Amino acid sequence: MLSVGLVAIDATILATAVPSVVEDLGGFSQFPWLFSVYLLAQAISVPLYGKFSDIVGRKPVMLVGIALFLLGSVLCGAAWSMLSLIIFRAVQGLGAGAVLPMSMTIIGDLYSVAERSKVQGYVASVWGASSVVGPTLGGLFSDHLSWRWIFFVNVPIGLAAAVMLVRRFREDVTRTRHTIDYAGALLLAAGASLLILGLLEGGVEWEWTSTTSILVIAAAVVLLAGFVLVERRAAEPILPLWVFQRRVLNGANASSLVVGVLLIGLTSYVPLYAQRVLGTSALIGGFTVAAMTLGWPISAAIAGRFYLRIGFRNTALMGAAFVVAGVGVLLTVTGDSSVLHLAAACFVIGIGLGFIASPVLVAAQSSVDWATRGMVTGTNMFARSVGSALGIAAFGAIANGAIARRTSGDHPALEQLPAHILEPSIHQVFVGAAIIGAVMIAAVALLPGKSRETTRQDDTFAG
C-alpha cells in the first residue's frame, strides 16, 4: 500500500501544479510531455519487469522500482528547465513500471483467491484516498511552498515502503540458470515505445495522415512483428506467445485494455466539463472524477464474495452492467446539471470498474503458477497502459473533430473555448464512452464460464 501510494499520489498531484511549474520553468507548449513521457516509460517497462520478477523474485524488482521512482522524484524536484523535468519524469515512469505490477504480483503470491479480492480492495483504497490527497497537496504546495515539494514528498513514503519490504517481506526463490531474451526485450520495448508514442502524439504533435505519423506507426508494426518472430525461437521468451492462446488471459487482457480506454477518457474530460461548462473550481472539478476512484475500491473489496459464488466472468459482466448504467447517467448531464449529477455518474462507473478490474486480474493470476505470475500480471497492466494510449488518441480525435465543426476548422486550446462550444464537444466524448461501455461487455464475455475457470484456492507463497 505504501508503494502504490507513491504512484497513486503522483498521478493526481502534478495536474494542480502545472501553472506554477510553467510560470517557473516556462515551456507551456511542452508541459503535456510531463504526462506523456511518464506514461510511455511506465508502459514499456511493465512487461519487462514482470518477466524479470519471475527470474530473480519480486523483492529485488520492487526495490529497483522504488529506487528509480525516488531518484526521478528528487531529480524532478531539482529540475532547472522544462526539458530536464520531462527527462526526469521518464525516470519516474520507469520506476512506476515496476511498482504497480509487483504490488499486484506480490498480492497474488501471498494470498489465496478467496483472500485476494479483499486485499486488492485495500490497495485500491489507496487510489481513492490519493484522489483527494493528491490535488489538495498539489494546491497547498504550489500556493504556500513550492511546486518542487510535489516531488520531494515522495521521498519519505518511498523510504518507508523500502524499509518495510526489506525487513518484512520474505520469498524463497529457486536460483537456476536462465537465458535472458535480450533481443525480444529490445524489440518489445522499441516497438511498444513507437506504438504508444504514435497514439499519444497523433493528432497533437503531428497530423494522423502526416509522414511522421505513418513512419512511426509503420516502424512500430515492423518491430513488433520482429518481436513475434524472435519469441517463437527464444529459449526463454520475454513474453511467451502462449499468453495469447489462453482464453482466460485474452479475456482478462482485453478487459484491462478497455478499462484503460474508458479511464483516460473520463479523467481527461470530466474535470474539464465540470470547470468550463458547469462553472466549478479546479478543485471541485478534480473531486468530480475522484468519485470514480472512490467507487472503485468499494466494489473491488467485495468482488471476491461474488466471483467465488458466480465466477469471474459473471462478476465482471455485472461490473460491465454498472459501467453501462453509469455512462447512461453521464449522457443525461447537460450544462444545467448539478456537479453532483456528474459525480454520481462517475461513482457508478467506478463501482463497475472495480467489479471488472479485480476479478479479471485474479482470474489471470490464478490460471498460472509462481514462475509465470509476474509476467502475466505485467502483461495485464501493459494492456491497460495501451488502452490509455488508445483512449487518448480516440477521445482526442472525437473532441477535436467536434470542436473543428463548431469553429470553422480552427483548433484553439480546450481551456480557451467558451462553454457553448465545449458542452456539445465533450458530450460527443461521453457518447464515445457509451460505445466503449458496450465494447466492454464483449471484452468481458471473452472470459471462460465458471465451469471452465482455473482457480488455485491453495496458492502458496513459494518460488
Protein backbone atom coordinates (compact mmCIF):
# COMPACT_ATOMS: atom_id res chain seq x y z
CA MET A 1 0.00 0.00 0.00
CA LEU A 2 2.90 2.36 0.72
CA SER A 3 4.48 1.52 -2.63
CA VAL A 4 1.24 2.00 -4.54
CA GLY A 5 0.75 5.26 -2.65
CA LEU A 6 3.87 6.60 -4.34
CA VAL A 7 2.40 6.17 -7.79
CA ALA A 8 -1.19 7.00 -6.81
CA ILE A 9 -0.39 10.38 -5.28
CA ASP A 10 1.94 11.25 -8.14
CA ALA A 11 -0.85 10.53 -10.63
CA THR A 12 -3.07 13.25 -9.15
CA ILE A 13 -0.75 15.76 -7.51
CA LEU A 14 1.01 17.15 -10.60
CA ALA A 15 -2.05 18.34 -12.55
CA THR A 16 -2.93 21.03 -10.00
CA ALA A 17 0.64 22.37 -10.01
CA VAL A 18 1.09 22.75 -13.79
CA PRO A 19 0.51 26.56 -13.77
CA SER A 20 3.21 27.02 -11.10
CA VAL A 21 5.63 24.76 -12.96
CA VAL A 22 5.12 26.62 -16.24
CA GLU A 23 5.46 30.01 -14.53
CA ASP A 24 8.80 28.94 -13.03
CA LEU A 25 10.34 26.90 -15.87
CA GLY A 26 8.46 28.12 -18.95
CA GLY A 27 7.77 25.72 -21.79
CA PHE A 28 3.97 25.83 -21.77
CA SER A 29 3.80 24.04 -25.12
CA GLN A 30 5.94 21.20 -23.75
CA PHE A 31 4.14 20.52 -20.47
CA PRO A 32 1.85 17.76 -21.89
CA TRP A 33 5.03 15.71 -22.24
CA LEU A 34 5.27 15.64 -18.43
CA PHE A 35 2.38 13.19 -18.57
CA SER A 36 3.05 11.50 -21.91
CA VAL A 37 6.67 10.57 -21.25
CA TYR A 38 5.75 9.18 -17.83
CA LEU A 39 3.02 7.00 -19.32
CA LEU A 40 5.34 5.88 -22.11
CA ALA A 41 8.19 4.88 -19.78
CA GLN A 42 5.81 3.10 -17.44
CA ALA A 43 4.01 1.20 -20.19
CA ILE A 44 7.06 -0.17 -21.99
CA SER A 45 8.79 -1.30 -18.79
CA VAL A 46 5.86 -3.14 -17.17
CA PRO A 47 6.07 -6.42 -19.15
CA LEU A 48 9.87 -6.49 -18.80
CA TYR A 49 9.76 -6.11 -15.03
CA GLY A 50 7.10 -8.81 -14.87
CA LYS A 51 9.33 -11.30 -16.64
CA PHE A 52 12.43 -10.44 -14.62
CA SER A 53 10.47 -10.89 -11.38
CA ASP A 54 9.75 -14.47 -12.43
CA ILE A 55 13.51 -14.99 -12.71
CA VAL A 56 15.02 -13.16 -9.71
CA GLY A 57 11.95 -12.69 -7.48
CA ARG A 58 9.55 -9.87 -6.73
CA LYS A 59 11.51 -8.20 -3.93
CA PRO A 60 14.59 -7.04 -5.87
CA VAL A 61 12.47 -5.82 -8.78
CA MET A 62 10.19 -3.88 -6.44
CA LEU A 63 13.15 -2.30 -4.66
CA VAL A 64 14.68 -1.29 -8.00
CA GLY A 65 11.36 0.29 -8.97
CA ILE A 66 11.13 2.25 -5.73
CA ALA A 67 14.75 3.40 -6.09
CA LEU A 68 14.18 4.60 -9.66
CA PHE A 69 10.96 6.37 -8.66
CA LEU A 70 12.66 8.17 -5.77
CA LEU A 71 15.67 9.08 -7.93
CA GLY A 72 13.33 10.51 -10.55
CA SER A 73 11.38 12.38 -7.87
CA VAL A 74 14.47 14.05 -6.41
CA LEU A 75 15.72 14.97 -9.88
CA CYS A 76 12.29 16.36 -10.83
CA GLY A 77 12.30 18.48 -7.69
CA ALA A 78 15.70 19.87 -8.67
CA ALA A 79 14.85 20.38 -12.38
CA TRP A 80 16.16 23.60 -13.91
CA SER A 81 14.19 23.58 -17.18
CA MET A 82 11.11 22.02 -18.71
CA LEU A 83 13.30 19.68 -20.79
CA SER A 84 15.15 18.40 -17.73
CA LEU A 85 11.85 17.92 -15.89
CA ILE A 86 10.48 15.88 -18.80
CA ILE A 87 13.60 13.67 -18.82
CA PHE A 88 13.40 13.09 -15.08
CA ARG A 89 9.70 12.27 -15.36
CA ALA A 90 10.74 9.42 -17.65
CA VAL A 91 12.93 8.08 -14.82
CA GLN A 92 9.92 8.24 -12.52
CA GLY A 93 7.88 6.36 -15.10
CA LEU A 94 10.46 3.58 -15.27
CA GLY A 95 10.15 3.20 -11.51
CA ALA A 96 6.34 3.16 -11.61
CA GLY A 97 6.54 0.42 -14.24
CA ALA A 98 7.93 -1.88 -11.55
CA VAL A 99 5.97 -0.72 -8.52
CA LEU A 100 2.43 -1.32 -9.75
CA PRO A 101 2.76 -4.81 -11.29
CA MET A 102 4.99 -6.02 -8.46
CA SER A 103 2.43 -4.88 -5.89
CA MET A 104 -0.29 -6.90 -7.62
CA THR A 105 2.02 -9.87 -8.17
CA ILE A 106 3.08 -9.97 -4.51
CA ILE A 107 -0.59 -9.98 -3.52
CA GLY A 108 -1.08 -12.90 -5.90
CA ASP A 109 1.82 -14.74 -4.23
CA LEU A 110 0.83 -14.09 -0.63
CA TYR A 111 -2.93 -14.55 -0.66
CA SER A 112 -5.38 -17.18 -1.83
CA VAL A 113 -8.07 -16.47 -4.40
CA ALA A 114 -10.61 -16.03 -1.58
CA GLU A 115 -8.41 -13.51 0.26
CA ARG A 116 -7.06 -11.67 -2.75
CA SER A 117 -10.05 -9.50 -3.58
CA LYS A 118 -10.23 -8.03 -0.06
CA VAL A 119 -6.53 -7.20 -0.11
CA GLN A 120 -6.82 -5.66 -3.57
CA GLY A 121 -9.67 -3.59 -2.16
CA TYR A 122 -7.26 -2.24 0.47
CA VAL A 123 -4.76 -1.36 -2.26
CA ALA A 124 -7.49 0.18 -4.41
CA SER A 125 -8.49 2.33 -1.44
CA VAL A 126 -5.07 3.96 -1.73
CA TRP A 127 -6.15 5.33 -5.11
CA GLY A 128 -9.39 6.59 -3.60
CA ALA A 129 -7.54 8.41 -0.81
CA SER A 130 -4.95 9.76 -3.25
CA SER A 131 -7.66 11.23 -5.49
CA VAL A 132 -8.43 13.55 -2.56
CA VAL A 133 -4.99 13.92 -1.00
CA GLY A 134 -3.11 14.45 -4.29
CA PRO A 135 -4.94 17.53 -5.61
CA THR A 136 -5.09 19.01 -2.11
CA LEU A 137 -1.34 18.65 -1.54
CA GLY A 138 -0.60 19.89 -5.04
CA GLY A 139 -2.59 23.05 -4.43
CA LEU A 140 -1.10 23.64 -0.98
CA PHE A 141 2.49 23.13 -2.12
CA SER A 142 2.02 25.36 -5.18
CA ASP A 143 0.35 28.15 -3.22
CA HIS A 144 2.35 28.16 0.02
CA LEU A 145 5.70 26.37 -0.52
CA SER A 146 6.95 25.42 -3.97
CA TRP A 147 5.81 23.09 -6.75
CA ARG A 148 9.08 21.19 -6.17
CA TRP A 149 7.63 19.70 -2.99
CA ILE A 150 5.10 17.72 -5.01
CA PHE A 151 8.10 15.54 -5.92
CA PHE A 152 10.06 15.70 -2.68
CA VAL A 153 7.03 14.43 -0.74
CA ASN A 154 7.60 11.04 -2.40
CA VAL A 155 10.90 10.50 -0.59
CA PRO A 156 9.64 9.67 2.94
CA ILE A 157 6.84 7.48 1.55
CA GLY A 158 9.22 5.58 -0.71
CA LEU A 159 11.82 5.09 2.01
CA ALA A 160 9.17 3.75 4.39
CA ALA A 161 7.97 1.32 1.72
CA ALA A 162 11.53 0.12 1.02
CA VAL A 163 12.28 -0.42 4.72
CA MET A 164 9.07 -2.42 5.17
CA LEU A 165 9.90 -4.62 2.20
CA VAL A 166 13.50 -5.22 3.28
CA ARG A 167 12.58 -6.07 6.86
CA ARG A 168 9.27 -7.91 6.48
CA PHE A 169 8.93 -9.41 3.02
CA ARG A 170 10.36 -12.92 2.61
CA GLU A 171 10.35 -15.01 -0.53
CA ASP A 172 12.03 -18.27 -1.42
CA VAL A 173 13.27 -18.13 -5.00
CA THR A 174 14.96 -21.18 -6.52
CA ARG A 175 18.10 -19.95 -8.25
CA THR A 176 18.56 -21.58 -11.64
CA ARG A 177 20.43 -20.64 -14.78
CA HIS A 178 18.32 -18.57 -17.17
CA THR A 179 18.77 -17.40 -20.74
CA ILE A 180 17.83 -13.73 -20.96
CA ASP A 181 15.89 -12.86 -24.10
CA TYR A 182 17.70 -9.60 -24.83
CA ALA A 183 16.58 -9.42 -28.46
CA GLY A 184 12.94 -9.90 -27.51
CA ALA A 185 13.17 -7.34 -24.72
CA LEU A 186 14.74 -4.76 -27.04
CA LEU A 187 12.22 -5.32 -29.83
CA LEU A 188 9.27 -5.20 -27.43
CA ALA A 189 10.50 -2.01 -25.75
CA ALA A 190 11.24 -0.27 -29.06
CA GLY A 191 8.05 -1.40 -30.80
CA ALA A 192 5.80 -0.60 -27.84
CA SER A 193 7.51 2.79 -27.42
CA LEU A 194 6.83 3.80 -31.01
CA LEU A 195 3.28 2.44 -30.94
CA ILE A 196 2.34 4.34 -27.77
CA LEU A 197 4.23 7.45 -28.92
CA GLY A 198 2.32 7.40 -32.20
CA LEU A 199 -1.00 7.05 -30.38
CA LEU A 200 -0.18 9.76 -27.85
CA GLU A 201 1.08 12.35 -30.32
CA GLY A 202 -1.00 11.55 -33.40
CA GLY A 203 -3.37 14.45 -33.97
CA VAL A 204 -1.42 16.52 -31.42
CA GLU A 205 2.22 17.00 -32.42
CA TRP A 206 1.54 15.81 -35.97
CA GLU A 207 -1.46 15.01 -38.13
CA TRP A 208 -2.61 11.39 -38.34
CA THR A 209 -2.05 11.36 -42.09
CA SER A 210 1.38 13.03 -41.94
CA THR A 211 4.58 11.32 -42.98
CA THR A 212 5.82 11.35 -39.40
CA SER A 213 2.73 9.57 -38.10
CA ILE A 214 2.82 6.94 -40.84
CA LEU A 215 6.53 6.27 -40.32
CA VAL A 216 6.21 5.97 -36.52
CA ILE A 217 3.27 3.55 -36.69
CA ALA A 218 4.85 1.55 -39.53
CA ALA A 219 8.12 1.21 -37.62
CA ALA A 220 6.19 0.04 -34.55
CA VAL A 221 4.41 -2.63 -36.60
CA VAL A 222 7.68 -3.86 -38.12
CA LEU A 223 9.44 -4.03 -34.74
CA LEU A 224 6.52 -5.84 -33.07
CA ALA A 225 6.34 -8.30 -35.98
CA GLY A 226 10.05 -8.94 -35.49
CA PHE A 227 9.38 -9.44 -31.78
CA VAL A 228 6.84 -12.18 -32.56
CA LEU A 229 9.35 -13.96 -34.80
CA VAL A 230 12.06 -13.79 -32.13
CA GLU A 231 9.74 -15.05 -29.40
CA ARG A 232 8.88 -18.14 -31.44
CA ARG A 233 12.52 -19.24 -31.31
CA ALA A 234 13.67 -17.86 -27.95
CA ALA A 235 14.61 -20.41 -25.27
CA GLU A 236 13.01 -18.26 -22.55
CA PRO A 237 10.90 -15.62 -24.30
CA ILE A 238 10.32 -12.33 -22.52
CA LEU A 239 6.62 -12.64 -23.42
CA PRO A 240 5.72 -16.22 -24.41
CA LEU A 241 3.22 -16.44 -27.25
CA TRP A 242 1.12 -18.94 -25.30
CA VAL A 243 -0.15 -15.93 -23.36
CA PHE A 244 -2.22 -15.07 -26.44
CA GLN A 245 -3.57 -18.59 -26.81
CA ARG A 246 -5.39 -18.91 -23.48
CA ARG A 247 -8.95 -17.69 -23.34
CA VAL A 248 -8.79 -16.57 -19.72
CA LEU A 249 -5.71 -14.42 -20.41
CA ASN A 250 -7.12 -12.99 -23.65
CA GLY A 251 -10.34 -12.08 -21.87
CA ALA A 252 -8.51 -10.55 -18.90
CA ASN A 253 -6.16 -8.53 -21.09
CA ALA A 254 -8.94 -7.34 -23.42
CA SER A 255 -10.97 -6.24 -20.39
CA SER A 256 -7.99 -4.34 -18.93
CA LEU A 257 -7.36 -2.65 -22.27
CA VAL A 258 -10.96 -1.38 -22.44
CA VAL A 259 -10.76 -0.26 -18.78
CA GLY A 260 -7.71 1.81 -19.75
CA VAL A 261 -9.56 3.41 -22.67
CA LEU A 262 -12.54 4.40 -20.54
CA LEU A 263 -10.44 5.63 -17.61
CA ILE A 264 -8.38 8.05 -19.66
CA GLY A 265 -11.47 9.43 -21.39
CA LEU A 266 -13.24 10.21 -18.13
CA THR A 267 -10.23 11.54 -16.21
CA SER A 268 -9.31 13.81 -19.13
CA TYR A 269 -12.70 15.34 -19.94
CA VAL A 270 -14.95 15.10 -16.87
CA PRO A 271 -12.95 17.68 -14.82
CA LEU A 272 -12.83 19.99 -17.84
CA TYR A 273 -16.61 19.69 -18.28
CA ALA A 274 -17.13 20.42 -14.59
CA GLN A 275 -14.94 23.52 -14.67
CA ARG A 276 -15.67 25.06 -18.05
CA VAL A 277 -19.30 24.03 -18.58
CA LEU A 278 -20.73 23.67 -15.06
CA GLY A 279 -18.59 26.52 -13.71
CA THR A 280 -16.93 24.78 -10.76
CA SER A 281 -13.46 25.41 -9.38
CA ALA A 282 -10.48 23.29 -10.42
CA LEU A 283 -10.56 21.54 -7.03
CA ILE A 284 -14.25 20.62 -7.31
CA GLY A 285 -13.66 19.51 -10.89
CA GLY A 286 -10.97 17.13 -9.69
CA PHE A 287 -13.19 15.78 -6.94
CA THR A 288 -15.89 15.06 -9.52
CA VAL A 289 -13.80 12.45 -11.27
CA ALA A 290 -12.47 11.39 -7.86
CA ALA A 291 -15.94 9.98 -7.24
CA MET A 292 -14.98 7.25 -9.68
CA THR A 293 -11.87 6.30 -7.72
CA LEU A 294 -13.97 6.24 -4.57
CA GLY A 295 -16.46 3.79 -6.07
CA TRP A 296 -13.71 1.51 -7.40
CA PRO A 297 -12.25 0.29 -4.06
CA ILE A 298 -15.72 -0.30 -2.63
CA SER A 299 -16.64 -2.81 -5.33
CA ALA A 300 -13.11 -4.23 -5.57
CA ALA A 301 -13.19 -5.07 -1.86
CA ILE A 302 -16.43 -7.05 -2.12
CA ALA A 303 -15.88 -8.55 -5.58
CA GLY A 304 -14.41 -11.70 -4.04
CA ARG A 305 -17.75 -12.59 -2.44
CA PHE A 306 -19.28 -12.60 -5.89
CA TYR A 307 -16.64 -14.32 -8.04
CA LEU A 308 -16.26 -17.18 -5.55
CA ARG A 309 -20.01 -17.85 -5.97
CA ILE A 310 -20.86 -16.89 -9.53
CA GLY A 311 -17.43 -16.92 -11.20
CA PHE A 312 -15.04 -14.35 -12.60
CA ARG A 313 -16.89 -13.74 -15.86
CA ASN A 314 -20.32 -13.23 -14.30
CA THR A 315 -18.88 -10.85 -11.71
CA ALA A 316 -17.11 -8.85 -14.42
CA LEU A 317 -20.29 -8.83 -16.54
CA MET A 318 -22.12 -7.39 -13.53
CA GLY A 319 -19.43 -4.71 -13.41
CA ALA A 320 -19.89 -4.01 -17.12
CA ALA A 321 -23.62 -3.52 -16.47
CA PHE A 322 -22.77 -0.90 -13.82
CA VAL A 323 -20.44 0.82 -16.29
CA VAL A 324 -23.15 0.95 -18.95
CA ALA A 325 -25.62 2.32 -16.40
CA GLY A 326 -23.12 4.94 -15.23
CA VAL A 327 -22.34 6.05 -18.76
CA GLY A 328 -26.07 6.24 -19.39
CA VAL A 329 -26.37 8.67 -16.48
CA LEU A 330 -23.39 10.58 -17.89
CA LEU A 331 -25.23 11.06 -21.19
CA THR A 332 -28.04 12.86 -19.35
CA VAL A 333 -25.67 15.52 -17.98
CA THR A 334 -26.22 18.96 -19.53
CA GLY A 335 -24.95 22.47 -18.94
CA ASP A 336 -27.79 22.99 -16.47
CA SER A 337 -26.97 19.88 -14.42
CA SER A 338 -25.52 19.99 -10.93
CA VAL A 339 -21.99 18.84 -10.25
CA LEU A 340 -23.47 16.08 -8.07
CA HIS A 341 -25.21 14.69 -11.17
CA LEU A 342 -21.85 14.41 -12.90
CA ALA A 343 -20.16 12.95 -9.82
CA ALA A 344 -22.93 10.35 -9.41
CA ALA A 345 -22.34 9.09 -12.94
CA CYS A 346 -18.62 8.75 -12.24
CA PHE A 347 -19.29 6.96 -8.94
CA VAL A 348 -21.49 4.33 -10.62
CA ILE A 349 -18.87 3.84 -13.34
CA GLY A 350 -16.23 3.42 -10.64
CA ILE A 351 -18.33 0.73 -8.98
CA GLY A 352 -18.47 -1.11 -12.29
CA LEU A 353 -14.74 -0.81 -12.96
CA GLY A 354 -13.96 -2.26 -9.52
CA PHE A 355 -16.15 -5.28 -10.30
CA ILE A 356 -14.20 -5.75 -13.54
CA ALA A 357 -10.56 -4.94 -12.75
CA SER A 358 -10.25 -7.08 -9.63
CA PRO A 359 -11.85 -10.32 -10.95
CA VAL A 360 -10.07 -10.27 -14.32
CA LEU A 361 -6.67 -9.80 -12.68
CA VAL A 362 -7.31 -12.54 -10.13
CA ALA A 363 -8.55 -14.81 -12.93
CA ALA A 364 -5.35 -14.24 -14.90
CA GLN A 365 -3.07 -14.76 -11.89
CA SER A 366 -4.94 -17.86 -10.75
CA SER A 367 -4.54 -19.57 -14.11
CA VAL A 368 -0.72 -19.74 -13.80
CA ASP A 369 1.88 -20.69 -11.20
CA TRP A 370 4.53 -18.59 -9.43
CA ALA A 371 7.06 -18.95 -12.25
CA THR A 372 4.90 -17.02 -14.72
CA ARG A 373 2.63 -14.93 -12.47
CA GLY A 374 4.82 -11.84 -12.69
CA MET A 375 4.84 -11.94 -16.48
CA VAL A 376 1.07 -12.49 -16.65
CA THR A 377 0.40 -9.64 -14.21
CA GLY A 378 2.73 -7.33 -16.12
CA THR A 379 1.03 -8.19 -19.40
CA ASN A 380 -2.38 -7.41 -17.93
CA MET A 381 -1.22 -4.00 -16.72
CA PHE A 382 0.56 -3.35 -20.01
CA ALA A 383 -2.77 -3.91 -21.75
CA ARG A 384 -4.32 -1.19 -19.58
CA SER A 385 -1.50 1.20 -20.49
CA VAL A 386 -2.00 0.52 -24.20
CA GLY A 387 -5.70 1.12 -23.64
CA SER A 388 -4.92 4.50 -22.10
CA ALA A 389 -2.85 5.45 -25.15
CA LEU A 390 -5.65 4.30 -27.45
CA GLY A 391 -8.13 6.28 -25.36
CA ILE A 392 -6.09 9.47 -25.62
CA ALA A 393 -6.00 9.07 -29.40
CA ALA A 394 -9.66 8.12 -29.81
CA PHE A 395 -11.23 10.62 -27.43
CA GLY A 396 -8.86 13.35 -28.58
CA ALA A 397 -9.95 12.75 -32.18
CA ILE A 398 -13.63 12.86 -31.15
CA ALA A 399 -13.23 16.10 -29.20
CA ASN A 400 -11.07 17.80 -31.82
CA GLY A 401 -13.42 16.79 -34.62
CA ALA A 402 -16.45 18.13 -32.75
CA ILE A 403 -14.65 21.39 -31.96
CA ALA A 404 -13.44 21.81 -35.55
CA ARG A 405 -17.02 21.52 -36.83
CA ARG A 406 -18.07 24.34 -34.50
CA THR A 407 -15.07 26.64 -35.02
CA SER A 408 -14.66 26.58 -38.81
CA GLY A 409 -11.76 24.16 -38.62
CA ASP A 410 -9.72 26.12 -36.06
CA HIS A 411 -8.11 24.24 -33.17
CA PRO A 412 -7.84 26.56 -30.15
CA ALA A 413 -6.83 25.12 -26.78
CA LEU A 414 -9.68 23.41 -24.95
CA GLU A 415 -9.24 25.73 -21.96
CA GLN A 416 -9.84 28.75 -24.21
CA LEU A 417 -13.13 27.58 -25.69
CA PRO A 418 -16.45 29.03 -24.50
CA ALA A 419 -18.93 26.77 -22.72
CA HIS A 420 -21.41 26.70 -25.62
CA ILE A 421 -18.76 25.00 -27.79
CA LEU A 422 -17.22 22.83 -25.11
CA GLU A 423 -20.52 21.36 -23.93
CA PRO A 424 -21.60 19.62 -27.16
CA SER A 425 -17.99 18.72 -28.00
CA ILE A 426 -17.33 16.94 -24.70
CA HIS A 427 -20.79 15.39 -24.90
CA GLN A 428 -19.55 13.62 -28.03
CA VAL A 429 -16.76 12.20 -25.87
CA PHE A 430 -19.41 10.90 -23.47
CA VAL A 431 -21.15 9.24 -26.42
CA GLY A 432 -17.83 7.61 -27.27
CA ALA A 433 -17.58 6.42 -23.67
CA ALA A 434 -21.02 4.81 -24.04
CA ILE A 435 -19.79 2.91 -27.08
CA ILE A 436 -16.74 1.78 -25.08
CA GLY A 437 -19.11 0.56 -22.37
CA ALA A 438 -20.78 -1.70 -24.92
CA VAL A 439 -17.38 -2.92 -26.12
CA MET A 440 -16.50 -3.69 -22.50
CA ILE A 441 -19.34 -6.22 -22.31
CA ALA A 442 -17.90 -8.03 -25.34
CA ALA A 443 -14.39 -7.98 -23.87
CA VAL A 444 -15.53 -9.42 -20.54
CA ALA A 445 -17.55 -12.08 -22.35
CA LEU A 446 -14.26 -13.47 -23.70
CA LEU A 447 -13.52 -14.89 -20.24
CA PRO A 448 -14.42 -18.58 -19.82
CA GLY A 449 -17.53 -19.52 -17.89
CA LYS A 450 -17.45 -20.62 -14.26
CA SER A 451 -17.20 -24.32 -15.08
CA ARG A 452 -14.04 -23.73 -17.11
CA GLU A 453 -12.30 -21.20 -14.86
CA THR A 454 -8.99 -22.16 -13.35
CA THR A 455 -8.62 -21.20 -9.70
CA ARG A 456 -5.88 -22.15 -7.29
CA GLN A 457 -7.51 -22.00 -3.87
CA ASP A 458 -4.32 -23.41 -2.32
CA ASP A 459 -1.94 -20.85 -3.80
CA THR A 460 1.14 -20.71 -1.62
CA PHE A 461 3.89 -18.16 -1.28
CA ALA A 462 6.73 -20.03 -2.93
CA GLY A 463 9.26 -19.77 -5.68
